[in-house]
Amino acid sequence: MNILCIETSASLCSVAVIKNDNIFFLDSSRSMAHSEILMELVIGCMKHANCKMDELNAIALSGGPGSYTGLRIGCSSAKGLCYGLNIPLIAIDTLQIIAYAARENNPNFKQYWAMVDARRMEVYHALFNHNLEQITPAISAILNATDFNPDNLSDSVMLCGDGAEKATEVLNMPDAKVIANAKSMCELAKQAYINSDFKDVAYFEPFYLKQANITVSKS
């Protein structure tokens, strides 16, 4: 099983290659440089894994929510590679990727509250149990201590994701210093491949949750 994983929902893009149960990983230190560096990372990681493009069985991408531009770049790149190689497309929920990363480093919590920073005091968020089963739907919300407390929180919850730092100031909960990355996609991508959980390459769109705030030039 050889799978290329692409993560572009966060400010730092990353890629990973699963080759015969081994994981090879590369990430970028340049924030929001996805369009410039993504394919460079793909080529470098494939070389590091000693894996040729025509040896890939599938391509997995982080399917959102997250950066609108980042998701579009990752999606178009992944779909283009799938078309050219005639292999299936896998999409992994970004919030589940974050919860997986948090559980890897902090396995003793019952729940993982994954959050993506949506600017100012807004986050995209969803709650997962220890088995990474989603408890609440992914929604956007403004952080405040009065309204931002789901009824089904356990007594052992970890905030995680790039929205967690500002959330912990409001909610006074422990947070994991993790963001979505391609390495944390790998096990989830493997399970999706085993289950043949593939997306339609022609019609798949990332889960933006909210559309981009685009302003029209006055000139």
N, C-alpha and C. Protein backbone atom coordinates (compact mmCIF):
# COMPACT_ATOMS: atom_id res chain seq x y z
N MET A 1 0.84 -1.19 0.00
CA MET A 1 0.00 0.00 0.00
C MET A 1 0.88 1.25 0.00
N ASN A 2 0.83 2.03 -1.06
CA ASN A 2 1.60 3.27 -1.16
C ASN A 2 0.63 4.43 -1.34
N ILE A 3 0.61 5.35 -0.38
CA ILE A 3 -0.33 6.47 -0.41
C ILE A 3 0.42 7.77 -0.18
N LEU A 4 0.14 8.76 -1.01
CA LEU A 4 0.66 10.11 -0.82
C LEU A 4 -0.38 10.92 -0.07
N CYS A 5 0.01 11.52 1.06
CA CYS A 5 -0.89 12.34 1.87
C CYS A 5 -0.50 13.81 1.75
N ILE A 6 -1.47 14.65 1.50
CA ILE A 6 -1.26 16.09 1.31
C ILE A 6 -2.10 16.86 2.30
N GLU A 7 -1.45 17.75 3.08
CA GLU A 7 -2.17 18.56 4.06
C GLU A 7 -1.90 20.04 3.78
N THR A 8 -2.94 20.76 3.40
CA THR A 8 -2.79 22.19 3.07
C THR A 8 -3.83 23.06 3.78
N SER A 9 -4.53 22.51 4.76
CA SER A 9 -5.57 23.30 5.43
C SER A 9 -4.99 24.27 6.45
N ALA A 10 -3.79 23.95 6.95
CA ALA A 10 -3.16 24.77 7.99
C ALA A 10 -2.23 25.81 7.36
N SER A 11 -1.65 26.65 8.20
CA SER A 11 -0.76 27.70 7.69
C SER A 11 0.54 27.11 7.12
N LEU A 12 0.97 25.96 7.64
CA LEU A 12 2.16 25.28 7.14
C LEU A 12 1.72 24.01 6.42
N CYS A 13 2.06 23.89 5.14
CA CYS A 13 1.64 22.70 4.41
C CYS A 13 2.66 21.58 4.65
N SER A 14 2.22 20.34 4.46
CA SER A 14 3.08 19.19 4.68
C SER A 14 2.62 18.04 3.81
N VAL A 15 3.51 17.09 3.57
CA VAL A 15 3.17 15.88 2.81
C VAL A 15 3.79 14.68 3.51
N ALA A 16 3.22 13.52 3.26
CA ALA A 16 3.75 12.27 3.79
C ALA A 16 3.52 11.18 2.77
N VAL A 17 4.37 10.19 2.78
CA VAL A 17 4.22 9.03 1.92
C VAL A 17 4.18 7.78 2.80
N ILE A 18 3.14 7.00 2.62
CA ILE A 18 3.06 5.68 3.26
C ILE A 18 3.57 4.67 2.24
N LYS A 19 4.64 3.98 2.57
CA LYS A 19 5.17 2.96 1.68
C LYS A 19 5.44 1.69 2.49
N ASN A 20 4.65 0.65 2.21
CA ASN A 20 4.82 -0.63 2.90
C ASN A 20 4.85 -0.45 4.42
N ASP A 21 3.90 0.34 4.93
CA ASP A 21 3.74 0.59 6.37
C ASP A 21 4.82 1.48 6.96
N ASN A 22 5.72 1.99 6.17
CA ASN A 22 6.68 2.99 6.63
C ASN A 22 6.17 4.38 6.25
N ILE A 23 6.45 5.38 7.09
CA ILE A 23 5.97 6.74 6.85
C ILE A 23 7.15 7.68 6.64
N PHE A 24 7.08 8.44 5.56
CA PHE A 24 8.09 9.45 5.25
C PHE A 24 7.38 10.80 5.21
N PHE A 25 7.98 11.80 5.84
CA PHE A 25 7.26 13.05 6.10
C PHE A 25 8.15 14.26 5.81
N LEU A 26 7.57 15.26 5.17
CA LEU A 26 8.23 16.54 4.97
C LEU A 26 7.23 17.66 5.22
N ASP A 27 7.67 18.74 5.85
CA ASP A 27 6.80 19.89 6.02
C ASP A 27 7.56 21.17 5.69
N SER A 28 6.82 22.25 5.65
CA SER A 28 7.39 23.55 5.29
C SER A 28 7.45 24.45 6.51
N SER A 29 8.48 25.27 6.58
CA SER A 29 8.57 26.27 7.64
C SER A 29 8.07 27.63 7.17
N ARG A 30 7.63 27.69 5.91
CA ARG A 30 7.14 28.95 5.33
C ARG A 30 5.63 29.01 5.42
N SER A 31 5.13 29.96 6.17
CA SER A 31 3.70 30.09 6.38
C SER A 31 2.99 30.57 5.11
N MET A 32 1.86 29.91 4.81
CA MET A 32 0.99 30.28 3.70
C MET A 32 1.74 30.39 2.37
N ALA A 33 2.64 29.45 2.13
CA ALA A 33 3.38 29.42 0.86
C ALA A 33 3.03 28.16 0.07
N HIS A 34 1.79 27.69 0.25
CA HIS A 34 1.38 26.41 -0.30
C HIS A 34 1.57 26.32 -1.82
N SER A 35 1.16 27.36 -2.53
CA SER A 35 1.21 27.31 -3.99
C SER A 35 2.65 27.23 -4.50
N GLU A 36 3.58 27.78 -3.74
CA GLU A 36 4.97 27.78 -4.16
C GLU A 36 5.70 26.50 -3.80
N ILE A 37 5.34 25.90 -2.68
CA ILE A 37 6.19 24.84 -2.14
C ILE A 37 5.57 23.45 -2.14
N LEU A 38 4.27 23.33 -2.37
CA LEU A 38 3.61 22.03 -2.23
C LEU A 38 4.23 20.97 -3.13
N MET A 39 4.33 21.24 -4.42
CA MET A 39 4.85 20.21 -5.33
C MET A 39 6.33 19.92 -5.06
N GLU A 40 7.06 20.92 -4.59
CA GLU A 40 8.45 20.68 -4.19
C GLU A 40 8.51 19.69 -3.03
N LEU A 41 7.59 19.85 -2.08
CA LEU A 41 7.51 18.91 -0.96
C LEU A 41 7.12 17.51 -1.43
N VAL A 42 6.16 17.45 -2.35
CA VAL A 42 5.72 16.14 -2.88
C VAL A 42 6.90 15.42 -3.54
N ILE A 43 7.62 16.11 -4.40
CA ILE A 43 8.75 15.49 -5.11
C ILE A 43 9.83 15.06 -4.11
N GLY A 44 10.12 15.93 -3.13
CA GLY A 44 11.14 15.61 -2.15
C GLY A 44 10.76 14.42 -1.28
N CYS A 45 9.50 14.35 -0.87
CA CYS A 45 9.06 13.25 -0.01
C CYS A 45 9.02 11.94 -0.79
N MET A 46 8.61 11.99 -2.04
CA MET A 46 8.61 10.78 -2.86
C MET A 46 10.04 10.25 -3.05
N LYS A 47 10.99 11.14 -3.25
CA LYS A 47 12.38 10.73 -3.38
C LYS A 47 12.89 10.14 -2.07
N HIS A 48 12.53 10.77 -0.97
CA HIS A 48 12.94 10.30 0.35
C HIS A 48 12.39 8.89 0.61
N ALA A 49 11.18 8.63 0.15
CA ALA A 49 10.56 7.32 0.33
C ALA A 49 11.02 6.31 -0.72
N ASN A 50 11.79 6.77 -1.70
CA ASN A 50 12.21 5.92 -2.82
C ASN A 50 10.98 5.28 -3.49
N CYS A 51 10.01 6.14 -3.74
CA CYS A 51 8.74 5.70 -4.32
C CYS A 51 8.48 6.49 -5.60
N LYS A 52 8.16 5.80 -6.66
CA LYS A 52 7.85 6.46 -7.92
C LYS A 52 6.35 6.78 -7.98
N MET A 53 6.03 7.80 -8.74
CA MET A 53 4.63 8.21 -8.84
C MET A 53 3.73 7.07 -9.32
N ASP A 54 4.21 6.29 -10.28
CA ASP A 54 3.37 5.21 -10.81
C ASP A 54 3.27 4.02 -9.86
N GLU A 55 3.92 4.11 -8.69
CA GLU A 55 3.79 3.07 -7.67
C GLU A 55 2.74 3.43 -6.62
N LEU A 56 2.18 4.64 -6.71
CA LEU A 56 1.16 5.06 -5.74
C LEU A 56 -0.15 4.33 -5.99
N ASN A 57 -0.82 3.98 -4.89
CA ASN A 57 -2.14 3.34 -4.97
C ASN A 57 -3.28 4.32 -4.77
N ALA A 58 -2.99 5.44 -4.11
CA ALA A 58 -4.03 6.45 -3.85
C ALA A 58 -3.36 7.73 -3.38
N ILE A 59 -4.13 8.81 -3.42
CA ILE A 59 -3.69 10.09 -2.88
C ILE A 59 -4.74 10.55 -1.88
N ALA A 60 -4.27 10.94 -0.69
CA ALA A 60 -5.17 11.43 0.36
C ALA A 60 -4.91 12.90 0.59
N LEU A 61 -5.98 13.65 0.85
CA LEU A 61 -5.83 15.05 1.18
C LEU A 61 -6.65 15.39 2.40
N SER A 62 -6.24 16.45 3.06
CA SER A 62 -7.01 16.99 4.16
C SER A 62 -8.21 17.73 3.56
N GLY A 63 -9.42 17.28 3.91
CA GLY A 63 -10.60 17.75 3.21
C GLY A 63 -11.29 18.96 3.79
N GLY A 64 -10.75 19.55 4.87
CA GLY A 64 -11.35 20.72 5.47
C GLY A 64 -12.14 20.36 6.72
N PRO A 65 -12.54 21.40 7.48
CA PRO A 65 -12.41 22.83 7.19
C PRO A 65 -11.00 23.35 7.45
N GLY A 66 -10.75 24.57 6.99
CA GLY A 66 -9.44 25.18 7.16
C GLY A 66 -9.30 26.36 6.23
N SER A 67 -8.06 26.68 5.91
CA SER A 67 -7.78 27.80 5.01
C SER A 67 -8.44 27.58 3.66
N TYR A 68 -9.27 28.52 3.25
CA TYR A 68 -9.98 28.39 1.97
C TYR A 68 -9.01 28.24 0.81
N THR A 69 -8.02 29.12 0.74
CA THR A 69 -7.05 29.05 -0.35
C THR A 69 -6.21 27.79 -0.26
N GLY A 70 -5.76 27.45 0.96
CA GLY A 70 -4.96 26.26 1.14
C GLY A 70 -5.69 25.00 0.71
N LEU A 71 -6.96 24.90 1.08
CA LEU A 71 -7.75 23.72 0.70
C LEU A 71 -7.91 23.62 -0.81
N ARG A 72 -8.11 24.74 -1.47
CA ARG A 72 -8.26 24.73 -2.93
C ARG A 72 -6.97 24.28 -3.61
N ILE A 73 -5.84 24.74 -3.09
CA ILE A 73 -4.55 24.35 -3.66
C ILE A 73 -4.31 22.85 -3.48
N GLY A 74 -4.55 22.36 -2.28
CA GLY A 74 -4.37 20.94 -2.02
C GLY A 74 -5.30 20.08 -2.83
N CYS A 75 -6.56 20.51 -2.94
CA CYS A 75 -7.55 19.73 -3.68
C CYS A 75 -7.22 19.67 -5.17
N SER A 76 -6.90 20.81 -5.77
CA SER A 76 -6.60 20.81 -7.20
C SER A 76 -5.34 20.00 -7.50
N SER A 77 -4.35 20.07 -6.63
CA SER A 77 -3.12 19.30 -6.83
C SER A 77 -3.39 17.80 -6.71
N ALA A 78 -4.13 17.41 -5.67
CA ALA A 78 -4.43 16.00 -5.47
C ALA A 78 -5.28 15.43 -6.60
N LYS A 79 -6.29 16.20 -7.03
CA LYS A 79 -7.15 15.72 -8.10
C LYS A 79 -6.39 15.60 -9.42
N GLY A 80 -5.51 16.56 -9.67
CA GLY A 80 -4.70 16.49 -10.89
C GLY A 80 -3.82 15.26 -10.92
N LEU A 81 -3.21 14.94 -9.79
CA LEU A 81 -2.36 13.74 -9.70
C LEU A 81 -3.20 12.47 -9.85
N CYS A 82 -4.37 12.46 -9.23
CA CYS A 82 -5.25 11.28 -9.35
C CYS A 82 -5.67 11.05 -10.79
N TYR A 83 -6.04 12.13 -11.49
CA TYR A 83 -6.40 12.00 -12.90
C TYR A 83 -5.23 11.45 -13.71
N GLY A 84 -4.05 12.04 -13.53
CA GLY A 84 -2.91 11.64 -14.33
C GLY A 84 -2.46 10.21 -14.07
N LEU A 85 -2.58 9.78 -12.81
CA LEU A 85 -2.12 8.45 -12.43
C LEU A 85 -3.24 7.41 -12.45
N ASN A 86 -4.49 7.88 -12.61
CA ASN A 86 -5.66 7.00 -12.62
C ASN A 86 -5.75 6.18 -11.33
N ILE A 87 -5.66 6.89 -10.20
CA ILE A 87 -5.76 6.26 -8.89
C ILE A 87 -6.81 7.00 -8.06
N PRO A 88 -7.34 6.36 -7.01
CA PRO A 88 -8.43 6.96 -6.25
C PRO A 88 -8.00 8.10 -5.33
N LEU A 89 -8.98 8.92 -4.98
CA LEU A 89 -8.80 10.07 -4.10
C LEU A 89 -9.43 9.77 -2.74
N ILE A 90 -8.70 10.08 -1.68
CA ILE A 90 -9.18 9.93 -0.31
C ILE A 90 -9.20 11.31 0.33
N ALA A 91 -10.26 11.63 1.06
CA ALA A 91 -10.34 12.89 1.78
C ALA A 91 -10.55 12.60 3.26
N ILE A 92 -9.71 13.19 4.11
CA ILE A 92 -9.80 13.01 5.55
C ILE A 92 -10.22 14.31 6.20
N ASP A 93 -11.19 14.24 7.09
CA ASP A 93 -11.67 15.42 7.80
C ASP A 93 -10.53 16.08 8.58
N THR A 94 -10.32 17.36 8.36
CA THR A 94 -9.21 18.06 9.00
C THR A 94 -9.33 18.05 10.52
N LEU A 95 -10.52 18.20 11.05
CA LEU A 95 -10.70 18.20 12.49
C LEU A 95 -10.37 16.84 13.09
N GLN A 96 -10.67 15.77 12.36
CA GLN A 96 -10.30 14.43 12.83
C GLN A 96 -8.79 14.24 12.81
N ILE A 97 -8.12 14.81 11.82
CA ILE A 97 -6.66 14.76 11.76
C ILE A 97 -6.07 15.43 13.00
N ILE A 98 -6.61 16.58 13.36
CA ILE A 98 -6.14 17.31 14.55
C ILE A 98 -6.36 16.48 15.81
N ALA A 99 -7.55 15.87 15.94
CA ALA A 99 -7.85 15.04 17.10
C ALA A 99 -6.91 13.84 17.17
N TYR A 100 -6.59 13.26 16.02
CA TYR A 100 -5.65 12.13 15.98
C TYR A 100 -4.28 12.56 16.48
N ALA A 101 -3.80 13.71 16.00
CA ALA A 101 -2.49 14.21 16.42
C ALA A 101 -2.46 14.48 17.92
N ALA A 102 -3.54 15.03 18.46
CA ALA A 102 -3.60 15.31 19.89
C ALA A 102 -3.60 14.02 20.70
N ARG A 103 -4.35 13.02 20.23
CA ARG A 103 -4.41 11.75 20.96
C ARG A 103 -3.07 11.02 20.96
N GLU A 104 -2.30 11.17 19.87
CA GLU A 104 -0.99 10.52 19.79
C GLU A 104 -0.07 11.00 20.91
N ASN A 105 -0.12 12.28 21.20
CA ASN A 105 0.77 12.86 22.22
C ASN A 105 0.14 12.91 23.61
N ASN A 106 -1.19 12.80 23.65
CA ASN A 106 -1.90 12.93 24.93
C ASN A 106 -3.00 11.86 24.98
N PRO A 107 -2.64 10.59 25.17
CA PRO A 107 -3.60 9.49 25.01
C PRO A 107 -4.56 9.27 26.17
N ASN A 108 -4.43 10.03 27.25
CA ASN A 108 -5.21 9.74 28.45
C ASN A 108 -6.49 10.55 28.58
N PHE A 109 -6.84 11.28 27.55
CA PHE A 109 -8.08 12.06 27.60
C PHE A 109 -9.23 11.26 26.98
N LYS A 110 -10.44 11.54 27.46
CA LYS A 110 -11.63 10.85 26.94
C LYS A 110 -12.14 11.50 25.66
N GLN A 111 -11.95 12.81 25.54
CA GLN A 111 -12.46 13.54 24.38
C GLN A 111 -11.42 14.53 23.88
N TYR A 112 -11.51 14.83 22.57
CA TYR A 112 -10.59 15.77 21.94
C TYR A 112 -11.44 16.79 21.17
N TRP A 113 -11.30 18.04 21.57
CA TRP A 113 -12.11 19.11 20.99
C TRP A 113 -11.24 19.84 19.97
N ALA A 114 -11.40 19.47 18.71
CA ALA A 114 -10.54 20.00 17.64
C ALA A 114 -11.06 21.34 17.15
N MET A 115 -10.13 22.28 16.98
CA MET A 115 -10.50 23.64 16.59
C MET A 115 -9.55 24.19 15.55
N VAL A 116 -10.11 24.80 14.54
CA VAL A 116 -9.33 25.50 13.52
C VAL A 116 -9.57 26.99 13.67
N ASP A 117 -8.50 27.76 13.72
CA ASP A 117 -8.61 29.21 13.86
C ASP A 117 -9.26 29.81 12.62
N ALA A 118 -10.36 30.51 12.82
CA ALA A 118 -11.06 31.15 11.71
C ALA A 118 -10.97 32.68 11.81
N ARG A 119 -9.91 33.16 12.47
CA ARG A 119 -9.61 34.59 12.64
C ARG A 119 -10.47 35.21 13.73
N ARG A 120 -9.94 36.29 14.26
CA ARG A 120 -10.53 37.00 15.40
C ARG A 120 -10.86 35.98 16.50
N MET A 121 -12.06 35.96 17.00
CA MET A 121 -12.43 35.01 18.05
C MET A 121 -13.32 33.89 17.52
N GLU A 122 -13.26 33.63 16.23
CA GLU A 122 -14.06 32.57 15.63
C GLU A 122 -13.22 31.32 15.41
N VAL A 123 -13.83 30.15 15.58
CA VAL A 123 -13.19 28.87 15.29
C VAL A 123 -14.16 27.95 14.57
N TYR A 124 -13.60 27.02 13.79
CA TYR A 124 -14.35 25.88 13.29
C TYR A 124 -14.04 24.73 14.25
N HIS A 125 -15.05 24.02 14.71
CA HIS A 125 -14.75 23.03 15.74
C HIS A 125 -15.69 21.83 15.69
N ALA A 126 -15.21 20.73 16.26
CA ALA A 126 -16.01 19.52 16.45
C ALA A 126 -15.39 18.72 17.58
N LEU A 127 -16.22 17.94 18.26
CA LEU A 127 -15.79 17.14 19.40
C LEU A 127 -15.69 15.67 18.99
N PHE A 128 -14.60 15.01 19.42
CA PHE A 128 -14.36 13.60 19.10
C PHE A 128 -14.14 12.82 20.40
N ASN A 129 -14.59 11.55 20.41
CA ASN A 129 -14.29 10.71 21.57
C ASN A 129 -12.90 10.09 21.41
N HIS A 130 -12.52 9.24 22.35
CA HIS A 130 -11.16 8.68 22.34
C HIS A 130 -10.90 7.81 21.11
N ASN A 131 -11.96 7.24 20.54
CA ASN A 131 -11.83 6.42 19.34
C ASN A 131 -11.89 7.25 18.05
N LEU A 132 -11.88 8.57 18.22
CA LEU A 132 -11.92 9.52 17.10
C LEU A 132 -13.25 9.48 16.35
N GLU A 133 -14.29 9.04 17.04
CA GLU A 133 -15.64 9.12 16.49
C GLU A 133 -16.18 10.51 16.77
N GLN A 134 -16.79 11.13 15.77
CA GLN A 134 -17.24 12.51 15.91
C GLN A 134 -18.53 12.57 16.71
N ILE A 135 -18.52 13.39 17.76
CA ILE A 135 -19.66 13.51 18.66
C ILE A 135 -20.57 14.67 18.26
N THR A 136 -19.97 15.77 17.82
CA THR A 136 -20.75 16.94 17.43
C THR A 136 -20.41 17.31 15.99
N PRO A 137 -21.35 17.90 15.26
CA PRO A 137 -21.05 18.30 13.88
C PRO A 137 -20.06 19.46 13.85
N ALA A 138 -19.33 19.57 12.76
CA ALA A 138 -18.39 20.67 12.58
C ALA A 138 -19.18 21.94 12.30
N ILE A 139 -18.94 22.97 13.12
CA ILE A 139 -19.62 24.24 12.94
C ILE A 139 -18.62 25.37 13.20
N SER A 140 -18.99 26.58 12.81
CA SER A 140 -18.21 27.76 13.18
C SER A 140 -18.89 28.43 14.35
N ALA A 141 -18.09 29.01 15.24
CA ALA A 141 -18.65 29.66 16.42
C ALA A 141 -17.71 30.73 16.92
N ILE A 142 -18.30 31.72 17.57
CA ILE A 142 -17.53 32.77 18.23
C ILE A 142 -17.23 32.32 19.66
N LEU A 143 -15.99 32.44 20.07
CA LEU A 143 -15.58 32.00 21.39
C LEU A 143 -16.11 32.93 22.47
N ASN A 144 -16.87 32.36 23.39
CA ASN A 144 -17.21 33.07 24.62
C ASN A 144 -17.58 32.04 25.67
N ALA A 145 -17.33 32.35 26.91
CA ALA A 145 -17.48 31.37 27.99
C ALA A 145 -18.93 30.99 28.25
N THR A 146 -19.87 31.85 27.88
CA THR A 146 -21.28 31.59 28.17
C THR A 146 -21.89 30.60 27.20
N ASP A 147 -21.69 30.81 25.89
CA ASP A 147 -22.38 30.02 24.88
C ASP A 147 -21.54 28.87 24.33
N PHE A 148 -20.25 28.88 24.58
CA PHE A 148 -19.36 27.94 23.92
C PHE A 148 -19.03 26.76 24.83
N ASN A 149 -20.06 26.01 25.22
CA ASN A 149 -19.88 24.84 26.07
C ASN A 149 -20.89 23.76 25.69
N PRO A 150 -20.52 22.83 24.82
CA PRO A 150 -21.45 21.76 24.45
C PRO A 150 -21.91 20.96 25.67
N ASP A 151 -23.13 20.47 25.63
CA ASP A 151 -23.70 19.73 26.77
C ASP A 151 -23.01 18.38 26.99
N ASN A 152 -22.41 17.82 25.92
CA ASN A 152 -21.89 16.46 26.04
C ASN A 152 -20.39 16.39 26.29
N LEU A 153 -19.83 17.41 26.93
CA LEU A 153 -18.42 17.35 27.31
C LEU A 153 -18.23 16.42 28.49
N SER A 154 -17.18 15.61 28.44
CA SER A 154 -16.85 14.76 29.58
C SER A 154 -16.00 15.57 30.56
N ASP A 155 -15.56 14.91 31.63
CA ASP A 155 -14.70 15.59 32.60
C ASP A 155 -13.23 15.49 32.20
N SER A 156 -12.96 14.96 31.02
CA SER A 156 -11.59 14.80 30.55
C SER A 156 -11.51 15.18 29.08
N VAL A 157 -11.34 16.47 28.82
CA VAL A 157 -11.37 17.00 27.46
C VAL A 157 -10.08 17.75 27.17
N MET A 158 -9.53 17.54 25.99
CA MET A 158 -8.36 18.31 25.56
C MET A 158 -8.70 19.14 24.34
N LEU A 159 -8.44 20.43 24.40
CA LEU A 159 -8.55 21.30 23.24
C LEU A 159 -7.34 21.07 22.34
N CYS A 160 -7.53 21.14 21.04
CA CYS A 160 -6.42 20.90 20.13
C CYS A 160 -6.65 21.63 18.81
N GLY A 161 -5.56 21.91 18.11
CA GLY A 161 -5.64 22.64 16.86
C GLY A 161 -5.15 24.06 17.02
N ASP A 162 -5.04 24.78 15.90
CA ASP A 162 -4.51 26.14 15.98
C ASP A 162 -5.51 27.14 16.52
N GLY A 163 -6.74 26.71 16.76
CA GLY A 163 -7.72 27.56 17.42
C GLY A 163 -7.78 27.33 18.92
N ALA A 164 -7.04 26.33 19.41
CA ALA A 164 -7.14 25.94 20.82
C ALA A 164 -6.50 26.94 21.76
N GLU A 165 -5.45 27.60 21.30
CA GLU A 165 -4.73 28.51 22.20
C GLU A 165 -5.63 29.65 22.67
N LYS A 166 -6.38 30.24 21.75
CA LYS A 166 -7.27 31.33 22.18
C LYS A 166 -8.50 30.77 22.89
N ALA A 167 -8.87 29.53 22.57
CA ALA A 167 -10.04 28.93 23.23
C ALA A 167 -9.75 28.62 24.69
N THR A 168 -8.53 28.18 24.97
CA THR A 168 -8.21 27.81 26.36
C THR A 168 -8.21 29.03 27.27
N GLU A 169 -7.98 30.21 26.72
CA GLU A 169 -8.04 31.43 27.52
C GLU A 169 -9.47 31.72 27.95
N VAL A 170 -10.43 31.33 27.09
CA VAL A 170 -11.84 31.57 27.40
C VAL A 170 -12.42 30.45 28.25
N LEU A 171 -12.05 29.20 27.92
CA LEU A 171 -12.67 28.04 28.53
C LEU A 171 -11.89 27.44 29.69
N ASN A 172 -10.63 27.85 29.86
CA ASN A 172 -9.80 27.36 30.95
C ASN A 172 -9.69 25.83 30.93
N MET A 173 -9.31 25.29 29.77
CA MET A 173 -9.12 23.85 29.60
C MET A 173 -7.70 23.60 29.08
N PRO A 174 -7.18 22.39 29.29
CA PRO A 174 -5.86 22.07 28.73
C PRO A 174 -5.91 22.00 27.21
N ASP A 175 -4.81 22.40 26.57
CA ASP A 175 -4.78 22.34 25.11
C ASP A 175 -3.49 21.69 24.64
N ALA A 176 -3.58 21.00 23.49
CA ALA A 176 -2.43 20.36 22.87
C ALA A 176 -1.88 21.26 21.78
N LYS A 177 -0.58 21.41 21.74
CA LYS A 177 0.05 22.28 20.75
C LYS A 177 0.23 21.51 19.44
N VAL A 178 -0.86 21.23 18.77
CA VAL A 178 -0.81 20.48 17.51
C VAL A 178 -1.63 21.20 16.46
N ILE A 179 -1.27 20.99 15.20
CA ILE A 179 -2.08 21.42 14.07
C ILE A 179 -2.20 20.24 13.12
N ALA A 180 -3.06 20.37 12.14
CA ALA A 180 -3.20 19.31 11.14
C ALA A 180 -1.89 19.16 10.38
N ASN A 181 -1.42 17.93 10.20
CA ASN A 181 -0.23 17.69 9.40
C ASN A 181 -0.36 16.35 8.70
N ALA A 182 0.39 16.17 7.63
CA ALA A 182 0.24 14.99 6.78
C ALA A 182 0.61 13.70 7.50
N LYS A 183 1.54 13.77 8.43
CA LYS A 183 1.93 12.56 9.17
C LYS A 183 0.76 12.01 9.97
N SER A 184 -0.03 12.91 10.56
CA SER A 184 -1.18 12.49 11.35
C SER A 184 -2.34 12.01 10.49
N MET A 185 -2.24 12.21 9.18
CA MET A 185 -3.26 11.70 8.25
C MET A 185 -3.07 10.23 7.93
N CYS A 186 -1.85 9.72 8.12
CA CYS A 186 -1.47 8.46 7.49
C CYS A 186 -2.32 7.27 7.93
N GLU A 187 -2.51 7.09 9.23
CA GLU A 187 -3.29 5.95 9.70
C GLU A 187 -4.74 6.08 9.25
N LEU A 188 -5.27 7.29 9.28
CA LEU A 188 -6.65 7.51 8.82
C LEU A 188 -6.77 7.24 7.32
N ALA A 189 -5.76 7.61 6.55
CA ALA A 189 -5.76 7.36 5.10
C ALA A 189 -5.68 5.87 4.81
N LYS A 190 -4.87 5.15 5.58
CA LYS A 190 -4.76 3.70 5.40
C LYS A 190 -6.11 3.02 5.63
N GLN A 191 -6.80 3.42 6.71
CA GLN A 191 -8.09 2.81 7.00
C GLN A 191 -9.12 3.14 5.91
N ALA A 192 -9.08 4.37 5.41
CA ALA A 192 -10.00 4.75 4.32
C ALA A 192 -9.71 3.92 3.08
N TYR A 193 -8.43 3.68 2.79
CA TYR A 193 -8.08 2.87 1.61
C TYR A 193 -8.56 1.43 1.78
N ILE A 194 -8.35 0.86 2.96
CA ILE A 194 -8.79 -0.51 3.23
C ILE A 194 -10.31 -0.64 3.07
N ASN A 195 -11.03 0.41 3.50
CA ASN A 195 -12.49 0.42 3.42
C ASN A 195 -13.02 0.90 2.06
N SER A 196 -12.10 1.19 1.13
CA SER A 196 -12.47 1.72 -0.19
C SER A 196 -13.33 2.98 -0.07
N ASP A 197 -12.98 3.82 0.89
CA ASP A 197 -13.71 5.07 1.11
C ASP A 197 -13.10 6.14 0.22
N PHE A 198 -13.49 6.12 -1.04
CA PHE A 198 -12.91 7.01 -2.04
C PHE A 198 -13.90 8.10 -2.44
N LYS A 199 -13.36 9.22 -2.90
CA LYS A 199 -14.18 10.34 -3.35
C LYS A 199 -14.19 10.39 -4.88
N ASP A 200 -15.25 11.00 -5.40
CA ASP A 200 -15.35 11.19 -6.84
C ASP A 200 -14.36 12.27 -7.26
N VAL A 201 -13.37 11.89 -8.04
CA VAL A 201 -12.31 12.83 -8.41
C VAL A 201 -12.86 14.02 -9.18
N ALA A 202 -13.88 13.79 -9.98
CA ALA A 202 -14.43 14.87 -10.80
C ALA A 202 -15.22 15.88 -9.97
N TYR A 203 -15.95 15.43 -8.97
CA TYR A 203 -16.91 16.29 -8.29
C TYR A 203 -16.57 16.63 -6.84
N PHE A 204 -15.53 16.04 -6.29
CA PHE A 204 -15.21 16.33 -4.89
C PHE A 204 -14.82 17.79 -4.70
N GLU A 205 -15.35 18.40 -3.64
CA GLU A 205 -14.98 19.74 -3.21
C GLU A 205 -14.63 19.68 -1.73
N PRO A 206 -13.65 20.45 -1.29
CA PRO A 206 -13.33 20.47 0.15
C PRO A 206 -14.51 20.99 0.97
N PHE A 207 -14.50 20.65 2.24
CA PHE A 207 -15.50 21.13 3.18
C PHE A 207 -15.01 22.46 3.73
N TYR A 208 -15.42 23.55 3.07
CA TYR A 208 -14.95 24.87 3.48
C TYR A 208 -15.62 25.34 4.77
N LEU A 209 -16.80 24.88 5.04
CA LEU A 209 -17.66 25.27 6.15
C LEU A 209 -18.20 26.68 5.96
N LYS A 210 -17.32 27.63 5.62
CA LYS A 210 -17.75 28.97 5.24
C LYS A 210 -17.03 29.36 3.97
N GLN A 211 -17.69 30.08 3.12
CA GLN A 211 -17.04 30.55 1.89
C GLN A 211 -16.06 31.67 2.22
N ALA A 212 -15.11 31.87 1.34
CA ALA A 212 -14.10 32.91 1.54
C ALA A 212 -14.75 34.28 1.54
N ASN A 213 -14.19 35.17 2.36
CA ASN A 213 -14.66 36.55 2.40
C ASN A 213 -13.91 37.35 1.34
N ILE A 214 -14.49 37.42 0.14
CA ILE A 214 -13.83 38.05 -0.99
C ILE A 214 -14.43 39.43 -1.22
N THR A 215 -13.57 40.42 -1.29
CA THR A 215 -14.04 41.79 -1.56
C THR A 215 -13.73 42.14 -3.02
N VAL A 216 -14.59 42.93 -3.59
CA VAL A 216 -14.44 43.35 -4.98
C VAL A 216 -13.73 44.69 -5.04
N SER A 217 -12.76 44.77 -5.88
CA SER A 217 -12.00 46.02 -6.03
C SER A 217 -12.90 47.15 -6.49
N LYS A 218 -12.70 48.33 -5.95
CA LYS A 218 -13.50 49.50 -6.31
C LYS A 218 -12.98 50.16 -7.59
N SER A 219 -11.82 49.77 -8.04
CA SER A 219 -11.24 50.40 -9.24
C SER A 219 -11.80 49.80 -10.50
